[in-house]
């Protein structure tokens, strides 16, 4: 799965969560994506989630 598709999924989960975006969400985001797509590396998901959260805070 490409990084663009993973980022799209992460943004959708963040948008639909209704919670304020912060770094405490990373573990939950990784868990949600890992449940949906078990073949994706957790480290890769973590890096992409960090990118999205940091761009949202700016």
PDB file of N, CA and C in Angstrom:
ATOM      1  N   UNK A   1       0.860  -1.175   0.000  1.00  0.00           N
ATOM      2  CA  UNK A   1       0.000   0.000   0.000  1.00  0.00           C
ATOM      3  C   UNK A   1       0.904   1.236   0.000  1.00  0.00           C
ATOM      4  N   UNK A   2       0.550   2.217  -0.801  1.00  0.00           N
ATOM      5  CA  UNK A   2       1.391   3.403  -0.925  1.00  0.00           C
ATOM      6  C   UNK A   2       1.206   4.345   0.273  1.00  0.00           C
ATOM      7  N   UNK A   3       2.181   5.212   0.447  1.00  0.00           N
ATOM      8  CA  UNK A   3       2.131   6.185   1.540  1.00  0.00           C
ATOM      9  C   UNK A   3       0.946   7.131   1.393  1.00  0.00           C
ATOM     10  N   UNK A   4       0.614   7.463   0.157  1.00  0.00           N
ATOM     11  CA  UNK A   4      -0.518   8.369  -0.083  1.00  0.00           C
ATOM     12  C   UNK A   4      -1.826   7.763   0.419  1.00  0.00           C
ATOM     13  N   UNK A   5      -2.030   6.481   0.163  1.00  0.00           N
ATOM     14  CA  UNK A   5      -3.257   5.817   0.602  1.00  0.00           C
ATOM     15  C   UNK A   5      -3.301   5.676   2.122  1.00  0.00           C
ATOM     16  N   UNK A   6      -2.154   5.398   2.730  1.00  0.00           N
ATOM     17  CA  UNK A   6      -2.108   5.297   4.187  1.00  0.00           C
ATOM     18  C   UNK A   6      -2.415   6.649   4.810  1.00  0.00           C
ATOM     19  N   UNK A   7      -1.817   7.710   4.260  1.00  0.00           N
ATOM     20  CA  UNK A   7      -2.090   9.055   4.777  1.00  0.00           C
ATOM     21  C   UNK A   7      -3.562   9.414   4.625  1.00  0.00           C
ATOM     22  N   UNK A   8      -4.156   9.024   3.510  1.00  0.00           N
ATOM     23  CA  UNK A   8      -5.573   9.293   3.288  1.00  0.00           C
ATOM     24  C   UNK A   8      -6.413   8.596   4.364  1.00  0.00           C
ATOM     25  N   UNK A   9      -6.105   7.340   4.653  1.00  0.00           N
ATOM     26  CA  UNK A   9      -6.819   6.593   5.697  1.00  0.00           C
ATOM     27  C   UNK A   9      -6.633   7.245   7.062  1.00  0.00           C
ATOM     28  N   UNK A  10      -5.400   7.647   7.368  1.00  0.00           N
ATOM     29  CA  UNK A  10      -5.119   8.281   8.656  1.00  0.00           C
ATOM     30  C   UNK A  10      -5.885   9.595   8.801  1.00  0.00           C
ATOM     31  N   UNK A  11      -5.877  10.411   7.759  1.00  0.00           N
ATOM     32  CA  UNK A  11      -6.609  11.684   7.809  1.00  0.00           C
ATOM     33  C   UNK A  11      -8.101  11.453   8.011  1.00  0.00           C
ATOM     34  N   UNK A  12      -8.620  10.430   7.369  1.00  0.00           N
ATOM     35  CA  UNK A  12     -10.039  10.115   7.510  1.00  0.00           C
ATOM     36  C   UNK A  12     -10.366   9.686   8.943  1.00  0.00           C
ATOM     37  N   UNK A  13      -9.515   8.880   9.527  1.00  0.00           N
ATOM     38  CA  UNK A  13      -9.733   8.442  10.906  1.00  0.00           C
ATOM     39  C   UNK A  13      -9.662   9.632  11.852  1.00  0.00           C
ATOM     40  N   UNK A  14      -8.682  10.511  11.651  1.00  0.00           N
ATOM     41  CA  UNK A  14      -8.537  11.694  12.506  1.00  0.00           C
ATOM     42  C   UNK A  14      -9.753  12.597  12.369  1.00  0.00           C
ATOM     43  N   UNK A  15     -10.184  12.829  11.142  1.00  0.00           N
ATOM     44  CA  UNK A  15     -11.330  13.704  10.890  1.00  0.00           C
ATOM     45  C   UNK A  15     -12.605  13.154  11.537  1.00  0.00           C
ATOM     46  N   UNK A  16     -12.806  11.851  11.433  1.00  0.00           N
ATOM     47  CA  UNK A  16     -14.021  11.236  11.955  1.00  0.00           C
ATOM     48  C   UNK A  16     -13.979  10.981  13.452  1.00  0.00           C
ATOM     49  N   UNK A  17     -12.813  11.123  14.075  1.00  0.00           N
ATOM     50  CA  UNK A  17     -12.705  10.835  15.509  1.00  0.00           C
ATOM     51  C   UNK A  17     -13.386  11.903  16.360  1.00  0.00           C
ATOM     52  N   UNK A  18     -13.321  13.150  15.924  1.00  0.00           N
ATOM     53  CA  UNK A  18     -13.931  14.226  16.682  1.00  0.00           C
ATOM     54  C   UNK A  18     -13.081  14.711  17.843  1.00  0.00           C
ATOM     55  N   UNK A  19     -11.885  14.163  17.997  1.00  0.00           N
ATOM     56  CA  UNK A  19     -10.998  14.563  19.088  1.00  0.00           C
ATOM     57  C   UNK A  19      -9.989  15.586  18.601  1.00  0.00           C
ATOM     58  N   UNK A  20      -9.418  16.308  19.550  1.00  0.00           N
ATOM     59  CA  UNK A  20      -8.370  17.258  19.219  1.00  0.00           C
ATOM     60  C   UNK A  20      -7.112  16.498  18.809  1.00  0.00           C
ATOM     61  N   UNK A  21      -6.440  16.973  17.791  1.00  0.00           N
ATOM     62  CA  UNK A  21      -5.257  16.290  17.265  1.00  0.00           C
ATOM     63  C   UNK A  21      -4.074  16.556  18.186  1.00  0.00           C
ATOM     64  N   UNK A  22      -3.452  15.471  18.687  1.00  0.00           N
ATOM     65  CA  UNK A  22      -2.237  15.597  19.478  1.00  0.00           C
ATOM     66  C   UNK A  22      -1.413  14.322  19.337  1.00  0.00           C
ATOM     67  N   UNK A  23      -0.221  14.331  19.901  1.00  0.00           N
ATOM     68  CA  UNK A  23       0.698  13.205  19.732  1.00  0.00           C
ATOM     69  C   UNK A  23       0.256  11.958  20.484  1.00  0.00           C
ATOM     70  N   UNK A  24      -0.687  12.067  21.387  1.00  0.00           N
ATOM     71  CA  UNK A  24      -1.179  10.893  22.109  1.00  0.00           C
ATOM     72  C   UNK A  24      -2.035   9.993  21.229  1.00  0.00           C
ATOM     73  N   UNK A  25      -2.432  10.473  20.070  1.00  0.00           N
ATOM     74  CA  UNK A  25      -3.276   9.703  19.155  1.00  0.00           C
ATOM     75  C   UNK A  25      -2.495   8.675  18.346  1.00  0.00           C
ATOM     76  N   UNK A  26      -1.197   8.782  18.307  1.00  0.00           N
ATOM     77  CA  UNK A  26      -0.401   7.963  17.393  1.00  0.00           C
ATOM     78  C   UNK A  26      -0.612   6.480  17.631  1.00  0.00           C
ATOM     79  N   UNK A  27      -0.567   6.054  18.876  1.00  0.00           N
ATOM     80  CA  UNK A  27      -0.728   4.632  19.192  1.00  0.00           C
ATOM     81  C   UNK A  27      -2.091   4.128  18.728  1.00  0.00           C
ATOM     82  N   UNK A  28      -3.121   4.897  18.964  1.00  0.00           N
ATOM     83  CA  UNK A  28      -4.465   4.502  18.543  1.00  0.00           C
ATOM     84  C   UNK A  28      -4.589   4.456  17.032  1.00  0.00           C
ATOM     85  N   UNK A  29      -3.989   5.428  16.355  1.00  0.00           N
ATOM     86  CA  UNK A  29      -4.027   5.447  14.894  1.00  0.00           C
ATOM     87  C   UNK A  29      -3.321   4.230  14.308  1.00  0.00           C
ATOM     88  N   UNK A  30      -2.171   3.890  14.864  1.00  0.00           N
ATOM     89  CA  UNK A  30      -1.432   2.718  14.384  1.00  0.00           C
ATOM     90  C   UNK A  30      -2.257   1.457  14.601  1.00  0.00           C
ATOM     91  N   UNK A  31      -2.892   1.358  15.746  1.00  0.00           N
ATOM     92  CA  UNK A  31      -3.708   0.186  16.055  1.00  0.00           C
ATOM     93  C   UNK A  31      -4.890   0.056  15.088  1.00  0.00           C
ATOM     94  N   UNK A  32      -5.549   1.174  14.787  1.00  0.00           N
ATOM     95  CA  UNK A  32      -6.705   1.156  13.887  1.00  0.00           C
ATOM     96  C   UNK A  32      -6.281   0.734  12.476  1.00  0.00           C
ATOM     97  N   UNK A  33      -5.215   1.338  11.963  1.00  0.00           N
ATOM     98  CA  UNK A  33      -4.745   0.995  10.623  1.00  0.00           C
ATOM     99  C   UNK A  33      -4.248  -0.450  10.587  1.00  0.00           C
ATOM    100  N   UNK A  34      -3.603  -0.889  11.656  1.00  0.00           N
ATOM    101  CA  UNK A  34      -3.109  -2.261  11.712  1.00  0.00           C
ATOM    102  C   UNK A  34      -4.262  -3.266  11.740  1.00  0.00           C
ATOM    103  N   UNK A  35      -5.377  -2.918  12.346  1.00  0.00           N
ATOM    104  CA  UNK A  35      -6.535  -3.806  12.343  1.00  0.00           C
ATOM    105  C   UNK A  35      -7.130  -3.906  10.932  1.00  0.00           C
ATOM    106  N   UNK A  36      -7.137  -2.789  10.220  1.00  0.00           N
ATOM    107  CA  UNK A  36      -7.688  -2.773   8.865  1.00  0.00           C
ATOM    108  C   UNK A  36      -6.770  -3.449   7.860  1.00  0.00           C
ATOM    109  N   UNK A  37      -5.488  -3.155   7.960  1.00  0.00           N
ATOM    110  CA  UNK A  37      -4.495  -3.660   7.012  1.00  0.00           C
ATOM    111  C   UNK A  37      -3.342  -4.267   7.806  1.00  0.00           C
ATOM    112  N   UNK A  38      -3.392  -5.552   8.045  1.00  0.00           N
ATOM    113  CA  UNK A  38      -2.397  -6.196   8.914  1.00  0.00           C
ATOM    114  C   UNK A  38      -1.035  -6.373   8.243  1.00  0.00           C
ATOM    115  N   UNK A  39      -0.936  -6.192   6.942  1.00  0.00           N
ATOM    116  CA  UNK A  39       0.329  -6.419   6.250  1.00  0.00           C
ATOM    117  C   UNK A  39       1.225  -5.183   6.177  1.00  0.00           C
ATOM    118  N   UNK A  40       0.836  -4.062   6.781  1.00  0.00           N
ATOM    119  CA  UNK A  40       1.621  -2.834   6.730  1.00  0.00           C
ATOM    120  C   UNK A  40       2.490  -2.745   7.978  1.00  0.00           C
ATOM    121  N   UNK A  41       3.733  -2.319   7.801  1.00  0.00           N
ATOM    122  CA  UNK A  41       4.689  -2.192   8.886  1.00  0.00           C
ATOM    123  C   UNK A  41       4.257  -1.091   9.860  1.00  0.00           C
ATOM    124  N   UNK A  42       4.283  -1.401  11.162  1.00  0.00           N
ATOM    125  CA  UNK A  42       3.863  -0.430  12.173  1.00  0.00           C
ATOM    126  C   UNK A  42       4.772   0.799  12.214  1.00  0.00           C
ATOM    127  N   UNK A  43       6.052   0.624  11.963  1.00  0.00           N
ATOM    128  CA  UNK A  43       6.973   1.759  11.945  1.00  0.00           C
ATOM    129  C   UNK A  43       6.631   2.753  10.850  1.00  0.00           C
ATOM    130  N   UNK A  44       6.254   2.240   9.705  1.00  0.00           N
ATOM    131  CA  UNK A  44       5.856   3.100   8.583  1.00  0.00           C
ATOM    132  C   UNK A  44       4.587   3.877   8.910  1.00  0.00           C
ATOM    133  N   UNK A  45       3.625   3.210   9.535  1.00  0.00           N
ATOM    134  CA  UNK A  45       2.385   3.882   9.930  1.00  0.00           C
ATOM    135  C   UNK A  45       2.687   4.966  10.959  1.00  0.00           C
ATOM    136  N   UNK A  46       3.562   4.668  11.901  1.00  0.00           N
ATOM    137  CA  UNK A  46       3.923   5.629  12.939  1.00  0.00           C
ATOM    138  C   UNK A  46       4.555   6.883  12.333  1.00  0.00           C
ATOM    139  N   UNK A  47       5.478   6.700  11.396  1.00  0.00           N
ATOM    140  CA  UNK A  47       6.114   7.853  10.747  1.00  0.00           C
ATOM    141  C   UNK A  47       5.101   8.709  10.003  1.00  0.00           C
ATOM    142  N   UNK A  48       4.199   8.070   9.276  1.00  0.00           N
ATOM    143  CA  UNK A  48       3.193   8.825   8.524  1.00  0.00           C
ATOM    144  C   UNK A  48       2.207   9.522   9.463  1.00  0.00           C
ATOM    145  N   UNK A  49       1.844   8.872  10.551  1.00  0.00           N
ATOM    146  CA  UNK A  49       0.946   9.496  11.531  1.00  0.00           C
ATOM    147  C   UNK A  49       1.614  10.709  12.175  1.00  0.00           C
ATOM    148  N   UNK A  50       2.898  10.603  12.472  1.00  0.00           N
ATOM    149  CA  UNK A  50       3.641  11.745  13.017  1.00  0.00           C
ATOM    150  C   UNK A  50       3.636  12.909  12.040  1.00  0.00           C
ATOM    151  N   UNK A  51       3.862  12.632  10.769  1.00  0.00           N
ATOM    152  CA  UNK A  51       3.843  13.689   9.751  1.00  0.00           C
ATOM    153  C   UNK A  51       2.501  14.407   9.727  1.00  0.00           C
ATOM    154  N   UNK A  52       1.426  13.639   9.733  1.00  0.00           N
ATOM    155  CA  UNK A  52       0.087  14.226   9.650  1.00  0.00           C
ATOM    156  C   UNK A  52      -0.212  15.052  10.892  1.00  0.00           C
ATOM    157  N   UNK A  53       0.127  14.531  12.053  1.00  0.00           N
ATOM    158  CA  UNK A  53      -0.150  15.256  13.302  1.00  0.00           C
ATOM    159  C   UNK A  53       0.673  16.531  13.360  1.00  0.00           C
ATOM    160  N   UNK A  54       1.931  16.498  12.925  1.00  0.00           N
ATOM    161  CA  UNK A  54       2.761  17.699  12.942  1.00  0.00           C
ATOM    162  C   UNK A  54       2.272  18.734  11.948  1.00  0.00           C
ATOM    163  N   UNK A  55       1.765  18.342  10.803  1.00  0.00           N
ATOM    164  CA  UNK A  55       1.255  19.316   9.840  1.00  0.00           C
ATOM    165  C   UNK A  55      -0.072  19.892  10.303  1.00  0.00           C
ATOM    166  N   UNK A  56      -0.832  19.151  11.093  1.00  0.00           N
ATOM    167  CA  UNK A  56      -2.097  19.656  11.617  1.00  0.00           C
ATOM    168  C   UNK A  56      -1.895  20.682  12.713  1.00  0.00           C
ATOM    169  N   UNK A  57      -0.786  20.567  13.453  1.00  0.00           N
ATOM    170  CA  UNK A  57      -0.545  21.474  14.572  1.00  0.00           C
ATOM    171  C   UNK A  57       0.005  22.810  14.120  1.00  0.00           C
ATOM    172  N   UNK A  58       0.511  22.916  12.904  1.00  0.00           N
ATOM    173  CA  UNK A  58       1.091  24.186  12.426  1.00  0.00           C
ATOM    174  C   UNK A  58       0.070  25.217  12.133  1.00  0.00           C
TER     175      UNK A  58
END
